[in-house]
Amino acid sequence: MIIVLQRVSKASVTIDKSIYSSIEKGFVALVGFQPDDNEEDLSFMVRKILRIRIFDDENGALNQSISDINGDILLVPNFTLAADTTRGNRPGFSTAMAPDTAKIMFEKFVDDVSSMHVNVASGLFGADMKVSLINDGPITISLASKK
C-alpha cells in the first residue's frame, strides 16, 4: 500500500464539474494499492496517517498529528501510485491491485479512518476526479506499508 500525504490549507475533489468533497486545514492522502496488500497493511496505514507528525507545534516544529490539530482528511484513490516505471517511457499498471479488489480495499480504508477520526472526506473510486489543493509548507510525505 502506498500513500502520498500532502499537508494542505484546503482541498477539494470535483467530479463532473461539481464539488464532490472538500476539506479545510489537514491533509490529502493519495492512496494506491498493490496486489499483495491486505488488512494488515490497511491497519498499519490507518495508524500511520493518524499519528504522523507533520503539523507545526507552538514552536514551529513538526510535532503535531492530524488528531492533535483536529484537522481534516481527504482520502483520494490513486492507482497510478503503483505504476511500474522501470521500462520505457510509458508506465505499466500490472503492479497495481485489480480494480474490483482495490475498490473494496479503498472503501474499507475510508471506513477504518472514519471510525477513528471525525473529519474525513473522500474521492470516488473509479471516477475521473479533479483534485485541487493548496499545499501547506509545502509538505509532502510518501508512505509505504511494506519495505
Protein backbone atom coordinates (compact mmCIF):
# COMPACT_ATOMS: atom_id res chain seq x y z
CA MET A 1 0.00 0.00 0.00
CA ILE A 2 1.33 3.40 -0.98
CA ILE A 3 0.16 6.77 0.29
CA VAL A 4 1.32 10.24 -0.64
CA LEU A 5 0.33 12.76 2.04
CA GLN A 6 0.17 16.45 1.27
CA ARG A 7 -0.40 18.88 4.12
CA VAL A 8 -2.97 21.39 2.89
CA SER A 9 -4.72 24.55 3.97
CA LYS A 10 -7.70 23.40 1.87
CA ALA A 11 -8.53 20.89 -0.84
CA SER A 12 -11.41 19.54 -2.89
CA VAL A 13 -12.39 16.81 -5.33
CA THR A 14 -14.54 17.74 -8.30
CA ILE A 15 -16.41 15.14 -10.36
CA ASP A 16 -18.42 16.11 -13.46
CA LYS A 17 -17.84 19.82 -12.75
CA SER A 18 -19.40 19.58 -9.26
CA ILE A 19 -17.55 19.59 -5.96
CA TYR A 20 -17.84 16.06 -4.59
CA SER A 21 -15.95 16.66 -1.34
CA SER A 22 -13.81 19.33 0.27
CA ILE A 23 -11.74 19.95 3.38
CA GLU A 24 -10.05 22.77 5.21
CA LYS A 25 -6.72 22.50 7.12
CA GLY A 26 -5.41 18.96 7.19
CA PHE A 27 -4.04 16.65 4.55
CA VAL A 28 -4.85 14.98 1.28
CA ALA A 29 -3.88 11.32 1.11
CA LEU A 30 -3.49 9.82 -2.35
CA VAL A 31 -3.99 6.08 -1.80
CA GLY A 32 -2.72 3.28 -4.04
CA PHE A 33 -2.86 -0.48 -3.62
CA GLN A 34 -0.59 -3.28 -4.79
CA PRO A 35 -1.71 -6.88 -5.40
CA ASP A 36 -0.34 -8.29 -2.13
CA ASP A 37 -1.85 -5.61 0.15
CA ASN A 38 -4.13 -6.92 2.90
CA GLU A 39 -5.95 -5.97 6.13
CA GLU A 40 -2.63 -5.72 7.98
CA ASP A 41 -1.47 -3.07 5.51
CA LEU A 42 -4.74 -1.17 5.97
CA SER A 43 -4.41 -1.19 9.77
CA PHE A 44 -0.77 -0.11 9.60
CA MET A 45 -1.56 2.80 7.29
CA VAL A 46 -4.57 3.95 9.32
CA ARG A 47 -2.35 4.18 12.40
CA LYS A 48 0.46 5.80 10.43
CA ILE A 49 -1.58 8.60 8.88
CA LEU A 50 -3.37 9.41 12.13
CA ARG A 51 -0.12 9.55 14.10
CA ILE A 52 2.40 11.05 11.68
CA ARG A 53 3.54 14.42 12.97
CA ILE A 54 3.55 16.84 10.04
CA PHE A 55 1.86 19.84 11.66
CA ASP A 56 3.60 22.67 13.49
CA ASP A 57 3.55 22.97 17.26
CA GLU A 58 3.73 26.31 19.07
CA ASN A 59 7.48 26.46 18.31
CA GLY A 60 7.10 25.78 14.60
CA ALA A 61 8.44 22.20 14.86
CA LEU A 62 6.67 19.32 13.10
CA ASN A 63 5.39 17.79 16.34
CA GLN A 64 1.65 17.50 15.89
CA SER A 65 -0.51 14.87 14.19
CA ILE A 66 -3.80 15.32 12.36
CA SER A 67 -5.52 14.14 15.53
CA ASP A 68 -3.68 16.73 17.65
CA ILE A 69 -4.91 19.60 15.49
CA ASN A 70 -8.34 18.05 14.80
CA GLY A 71 -7.63 18.57 11.11
CA ASP A 72 -9.49 17.34 8.06
CA ILE A 73 -8.53 14.34 5.93
CA LEU A 74 -9.31 13.89 2.24
CA LEU A 75 -8.67 10.33 1.00
CA VAL A 76 -8.32 10.02 -2.78
CA PRO A 77 -7.93 6.67 -4.59
CA ASN A 78 -4.98 6.76 -6.99
CA PHE A 79 -3.94 3.51 -8.69
CA THR A 80 -1.13 5.29 -10.58
CA LEU A 81 0.94 5.32 -7.37
CA ALA A 82 1.63 1.62 -8.00
CA ALA A 83 2.84 2.20 -11.58
CA ASP A 84 5.84 0.31 -12.89
CA THR A 85 8.18 2.84 -14.49
CA THR A 86 11.24 0.62 -14.86
CA ARG A 87 10.91 0.06 -18.62
CA GLY A 88 10.42 2.60 -21.35
CA ASN A 89 8.55 5.86 -21.03
CA ARG A 90 5.01 4.60 -20.58
CA PRO A 91 4.06 3.44 -17.07
CA GLY A 92 2.68 -0.05 -16.67
CA PHE A 93 -0.08 -0.83 -14.20
CA SER A 94 0.24 -4.60 -13.75
CA THR A 95 1.84 -3.75 -10.39
CA ALA A 96 -1.42 -2.16 -9.17
CA MET A 97 -4.15 -4.14 -7.41
CA ALA A 98 -7.04 -5.26 -9.62
CA PRO A 99 -9.73 -2.56 -9.65
CA ASP A 100 -12.54 -4.64 -8.12
CA THR A 101 -10.37 -5.62 -5.14
CA ALA A 102 -8.81 -2.15 -4.85
CA LYS A 103 -12.28 -0.58 -4.67
CA ILE A 104 -13.20 -2.81 -1.72
CA MET A 105 -9.87 -2.03 -0.02
CA PHE A 106 -10.27 1.72 -0.55
CA GLU A 107 -13.81 1.76 0.83
CA LYS A 108 -12.67 -0.24 3.87
CA PHE A 109 -9.76 2.17 4.35
CA VAL A 110 -12.15 5.14 4.30
CA ASP A 111 -14.42 3.37 6.83
CA ASP A 112 -11.46 2.49 9.09
CA VAL A 113 -10.05 6.04 9.07
CA SER A 114 -13.55 7.49 9.61
CA SER A 115 -14.10 5.25 12.62
CA MET A 116 -11.01 6.77 14.29
CA HIS A 117 -11.15 10.39 13.11
CA VAL A 118 -14.10 12.77 12.79
CA ASN A 119 -13.33 14.96 9.79
CA VAL A 120 -12.86 12.56 6.87
CA ALA A 121 -13.90 13.06 3.24
CA SER A 122 -13.02 11.03 0.17
CA GLY A 123 -12.89 10.89 -3.56
CA LEU A 124 -14.85 8.33 -5.56
CA PHE A 125 -13.10 5.16 -6.68
CA GLY A 126 -13.02 4.83 -10.47
CA ALA A 127 -14.23 8.36 -11.15
CA ASP A 128 -12.43 10.95 -13.26
CA MET A 129 -11.58 13.33 -10.42
CA LYS A 130 -10.09 16.79 -10.43
CA VAL A 131 -8.19 17.34 -7.18
CA SER A 132 -7.48 20.92 -6.15
CA LEU A 133 -5.34 21.76 -3.17
CA ILE A 134 -3.21 24.38 -1.55
CA ASN A 135 -0.15 22.52 -0.32
CA ASP A 136 0.90 23.99 3.02
CA GLY A 137 4.64 24.15 3.55
CA PRO A 138 4.94 22.54 1.07
CA ILE A 139 4.95 19.29 3.00
CA THR A 140 4.59 16.09 1.01
CA ILE A 141 5.39 12.68 2.55
CA SER A 142 5.48 9.30 0.83
CA LEU A 143 4.44 6.26 2.91
CA ALA A 144 4.56 2.55 2.14
CA SER A 145 3.17 -0.32 4.18
CA LYS A 146 5.99 -2.60 3.07
CA LYS A 147 9.74 -2.00 2.96
